[in-house]
Amino acid sequence: MTQNSKFTAASTALIIVDLQNDFLSPQGAYARGKTVSADALLLPARVAPVAQTLKAQGGYVAASQFTLWPDAKGEPMVSSHLLEKRPFLRKGDFAPGSVGQDNVPDLKDSVDLVVYKVAYSAFFNTQLDWVLRKAGIETVVICGIVTNGGVASTARDAHVRDYSVVVLSDGCAAFSNALHQASLADLASIGQVMTCDTFVNSLV
C-alpha cells in the first residue's frame, strides 16, 4: 500500500476505541476483575495529545464506548461468549450514561462524537459512518483497545467502507505484546501503521 507522507486534518478523523473508565480506571469493572491491561493504562497519555492536535488543526475526533444495555429487570445484556471470559461483569458495568461507560478523563474534552457500541467494531449498529461522511472524512486514524479486537474490527470495517486507514502502533494495546504485534502486522495489509508522533508530524 502506498505510504502517504502528509494528512489533511480537515478530512481526517481520529477514532478512539473503548478507552473507558470501566476498562482502565482503578474503580472500574476490569480492575475489580483483575483484568486490566498494563499496556492499555499507558494509552490515554499518548492518545490525548494526538486528539488535541488534530482537533486544533480542524480534524474530527470520535470515540466508541462499549455498552452493556440493561434488560427490563435492569440486568446487563452480556453476550454469552463475553460472560464466559469476563464472569465478573455485573449490573451497572458499562451501563449507558454511567461513569464506568464514560471516556477516561484525559480524553473527554477532545471528543466531538461518542457512539455506543455492543460489539467489536465502532461501525457496527452505530451512526459513526453516517457522521464521518457528513463531516467530509476520508481518512480514519484508529487507536484504543484492544489491538486484536475493537481496533482491528473497526479498521477492517473502515477499509471496506473505502476510508483510508491508519492504525497508531503505540496508540493501541492488547493483553499480550505478541497479540499486539501480530495484529499490527496483519492490519498493515489494509492500511498504514505508524506511531502517534509520526502521524502528528504528518498533519497539514
Protein backbone atom coordinates (compact mmCIF):
# COMPACT_ATOMS: atom_id res chain seq x y z
CA MET A 1 0.00 0.00 0.00
CA THR A 2 1.25 3.49 -0.83
CA GLN A 3 2.54 5.31 2.23
CA ASN A 4 1.25 8.87 2.48
CA SER A 5 3.67 11.45 3.84
CA LYS A 6 1.02 14.03 4.77
CA PHE A 7 -2.56 14.00 6.08
CA THR A 8 -5.05 16.82 5.63
CA ALA A 9 -6.51 17.47 9.07
CA ALA A 10 -9.88 18.68 7.78
CA SER A 11 -10.63 15.33 6.12
CA THR A 12 -9.16 13.17 8.89
CA ALA A 13 -10.85 11.65 11.95
CA LEU A 14 -9.32 10.02 14.98
CA ILE A 15 -11.39 7.08 16.23
CA ILE A 16 -10.67 6.24 19.87
CA VAL A 17 -11.86 2.72 20.61
CA ASP A 18 -13.12 1.96 24.11
CA LEU A 19 -10.76 3.98 26.32
CA GLN A 20 -13.34 3.96 29.10
CA ASN A 21 -13.33 4.06 32.87
CA ASP A 22 -14.70 0.54 33.30
CA PHE A 23 -11.76 -0.79 31.30
CA LEU A 24 -9.00 1.41 32.73
CA SER A 25 -9.96 3.14 35.98
CA PRO A 26 -8.84 1.66 39.34
CA GLN A 27 -12.54 1.81 40.28
CA GLY A 28 -13.70 0.19 37.03
CA ALA A 29 -15.16 -3.21 36.28
CA TYR A 30 -11.96 -4.65 34.81
CA ALA A 31 -9.88 -3.53 37.79
CA ARG A 32 -12.39 -5.27 40.04
CA GLY A 33 -11.98 -8.38 37.90
CA LYS A 34 -8.17 -8.04 37.90
CA THR A 35 -8.18 -7.96 34.10
CA VAL A 36 -6.69 -4.54 33.34
CA SER A 37 -4.03 -4.46 30.61
CA ALA A 38 -0.91 -2.69 31.89
CA ASP A 39 -0.12 -1.53 28.36
CA ALA A 40 -3.62 -0.11 27.95
CA LEU A 41 -3.16 2.10 31.00
CA LEU A 42 -0.43 3.99 29.11
CA LEU A 43 -2.67 4.87 26.17
CA PRO A 44 -4.66 7.91 27.38
CA ALA A 45 -1.49 9.97 27.90
CA ARG A 46 -0.32 9.06 24.39
CA VAL A 47 -3.63 9.49 22.62
CA ALA A 48 -4.75 12.76 24.25
CA PRO A 49 -2.08 14.91 22.51
CA VAL A 50 -2.98 13.33 19.17
CA ALA A 51 -6.66 14.18 19.66
CA GLN A 52 -5.86 17.71 20.81
CA THR A 53 -3.52 18.40 17.89
CA LEU A 54 -5.87 17.00 15.26
CA LYS A 55 -8.82 18.92 16.70
CA ALA A 56 -6.81 22.16 16.86
CA GLN A 57 -5.98 21.81 13.16
CA GLY A 58 -9.60 21.27 12.12
CA GLY A 59 -9.84 17.49 12.27
CA TYR A 60 -12.55 15.37 13.87
CA VAL A 61 -12.38 13.15 16.97
CA ALA A 62 -14.79 10.28 17.61
CA ALA A 63 -14.86 7.79 20.46
CA SER A 64 -16.64 4.49 20.81
CA GLN A 65 -17.95 3.30 24.16
CA PHE A 66 -18.57 -0.37 24.74
CA THR A 67 -22.01 -0.54 26.33
CA LEU A 68 -23.96 -3.21 28.21
CA TRP A 69 -27.59 -2.27 27.78
CA PRO A 70 -29.88 -3.29 30.67
CA ASP A 71 -32.81 -5.60 30.14
CA ALA A 72 -36.30 -4.99 31.54
CA LYS A 73 -35.07 -6.02 35.00
CA GLY A 74 -32.03 -3.78 34.83
CA GLU A 75 -29.59 -6.65 34.31
CA PRO A 76 -26.85 -6.17 31.69
CA MET A 77 -27.39 -7.97 28.41
CA VAL A 78 -23.99 -9.65 28.07
CA SER A 79 -23.16 -11.97 25.18
CA SER A 80 -22.55 -15.49 26.44
CA HIS A 81 -19.06 -15.67 24.93
CA LEU A 82 -18.08 -12.44 26.73
CA LEU A 83 -19.58 -13.51 30.06
CA GLU A 84 -17.62 -16.76 29.83
CA LYS A 85 -14.38 -14.79 29.57
CA ARG A 86 -15.40 -11.99 31.95
CA PRO A 87 -17.58 -13.60 34.64
CA PHE A 88 -17.02 -10.60 36.94
CA LEU A 89 -19.27 -8.34 34.85
CA ARG A 90 -22.33 -7.31 36.82
CA LYS A 91 -25.26 -4.91 36.99
CA GLY A 92 -24.14 -1.34 36.36
CA ASP A 93 -20.94 -2.18 34.49
CA PHE A 94 -20.64 -0.31 31.18
CA ALA A 95 -24.23 0.88 31.67
CA PRO A 96 -25.33 3.69 29.34
CA GLY A 97 -24.74 7.06 30.97
CA SER A 98 -22.67 5.63 33.81
CA VAL A 99 -19.24 6.79 34.98
CA GLY A 100 -17.83 3.40 34.01
CA GLN A 101 -19.07 3.67 30.45
CA ASP A 102 -17.64 7.16 30.03
CA ASN A 103 -14.37 8.06 28.32
CA VAL A 104 -11.35 8.34 30.60
CA PRO A 105 -10.82 11.91 31.86
CA ASP A 106 -7.77 12.63 29.67
CA LEU A 107 -9.89 12.37 26.53
CA LYS A 108 -13.29 13.81 27.39
CA ASP A 109 -12.63 17.40 26.32
CA SER A 110 -11.31 16.47 22.86
CA VAL A 111 -14.14 14.23 21.62
CA ASP A 112 -16.62 15.55 19.03
CA LEU A 113 -18.74 12.38 18.74
CA VAL A 114 -19.44 9.45 21.03
CA VAL A 115 -21.06 6.27 19.74
CA TYR A 116 -22.30 3.42 21.91
CA LYS A 117 -21.30 0.01 20.59
CA VAL A 118 -22.29 -3.52 21.52
CA ALA A 119 -19.73 -5.49 19.51
CA TYR A 120 -16.10 -5.14 18.46
CA SER A 121 -16.41 -2.63 15.63
CA ALA A 122 -17.21 1.03 16.25
CA PHE A 123 -19.13 0.96 12.96
CA PHE A 124 -21.47 -1.93 13.84
CA ASN A 125 -25.02 -0.67 14.50
CA THR A 126 -23.82 2.89 15.23
CA GLN A 127 -24.09 6.21 13.37
CA LEU A 128 -20.33 6.58 13.03
CA ASP A 129 -20.18 6.07 9.26
CA TRP A 130 -23.05 8.50 8.60
CA VAL A 131 -21.48 11.23 10.73
CA LEU A 132 -17.99 10.79 9.27
CA ARG A 133 -19.30 11.06 5.72
CA LYS A 134 -21.34 14.17 6.56
CA ALA A 135 -18.17 15.64 8.09
CA GLY A 136 -16.22 15.04 4.88
CA ILE A 137 -13.87 12.50 6.41
CA GLU A 138 -11.69 10.46 4.05
CA THR A 139 -9.01 9.14 6.43
CA VAL A 140 -9.63 7.43 9.77
CA VAL A 141 -6.88 7.05 12.33
CA ILE A 142 -7.64 4.31 14.82
CA CYS A 143 -6.36 3.78 18.35
CA GLY A 144 -7.55 2.24 21.61
CA ILE A 145 -8.22 -1.26 22.88
CA VAL A 146 -7.73 -3.99 22.14
CA THR A 147 -5.50 -4.20 19.07
CA ASN A 148 -6.75 -7.62 18.02
CA GLY A 149 -10.38 -6.86 18.92
CA GLY A 150 -12.09 -3.48 18.69
CA VAL A 151 -9.20 -1.78 16.91
CA ALA A 152 -8.79 -4.48 14.26
CA SER A 153 -12.54 -4.82 13.67
CA THR A 154 -13.00 -1.05 13.37
CA ALA A 155 -10.05 -0.78 10.98
CA ARG A 156 -11.37 -3.52 8.72
CA ASP A 157 -14.87 -2.06 8.72
CA ALA A 158 -13.39 1.32 7.77
CA HIS A 159 -11.40 -0.31 4.98
CA VAL A 160 -14.44 -1.97 3.40
CA ARG A 161 -16.22 1.39 3.57
CA ASP A 162 -13.42 2.89 1.44
CA TYR A 163 -11.83 5.08 4.09
CA SER A 164 -8.07 5.42 4.08
CA VAL A 165 -6.97 3.66 7.27
CA VAL A 166 -4.18 4.47 9.71
CA VAL A 167 -3.53 2.49 12.90
CA LEU A 168 -1.44 4.08 15.65
CA SER A 169 1.00 1.39 16.73
CA ASP A 170 1.74 2.91 20.14
CA GLY A 171 -1.81 4.23 20.48
CA CYS A 172 -3.35 0.79 20.94
CA ALA A 173 -2.68 -2.24 23.12
CA ALA A 174 -3.65 -5.85 23.62
CA PHE A 175 -3.45 -8.30 26.51
CA SER A 176 -0.08 -9.53 25.25
CA ASN A 177 2.64 -7.95 23.14
CA ALA A 178 2.60 -10.98 20.84
CA LEU A 179 -1.08 -10.41 20.01
CA HIS A 180 -0.46 -6.69 19.61
CA GLN A 181 2.42 -7.12 17.18
CA ALA A 182 0.68 -9.87 15.19
CA SER A 183 -2.41 -7.69 14.81
CA LEU A 184 -0.37 -4.69 13.66
CA ALA A 185 1.39 -6.83 11.07
CA ASP A 186 -1.96 -8.07 9.82
CA LEU A 187 -3.50 -4.59 9.72
CA ALA A 188 -0.62 -3.31 7.60
CA SER A 189 -2.27 -5.15 4.71
CA ILE A 190 -5.28 -2.81 4.77
CA GLY A 191 -3.78 0.48 5.95
CA GLN A 192 -0.78 2.32 7.30
CA VAL A 193 0.68 1.56 10.71
CA MET A 194 2.63 4.35 12.39
CA THR A 195 3.42 5.90 15.77
CA CYS A 196 1.44 8.72 17.32
CA ASP A 197 4.33 11.14 16.81
CA THR A 198 4.76 10.19 13.15
CA PHE A 199 1.09 10.84 12.49
CA VAL A 200 1.03 14.18 14.32
CA ASN A 201 4.13 15.33 12.42
CA SER A 202 2.44 14.38 9.12
CA LEU A 203 -0.62 16.62 9.62
CA VAL A 204 -1.13 19.57 7.31
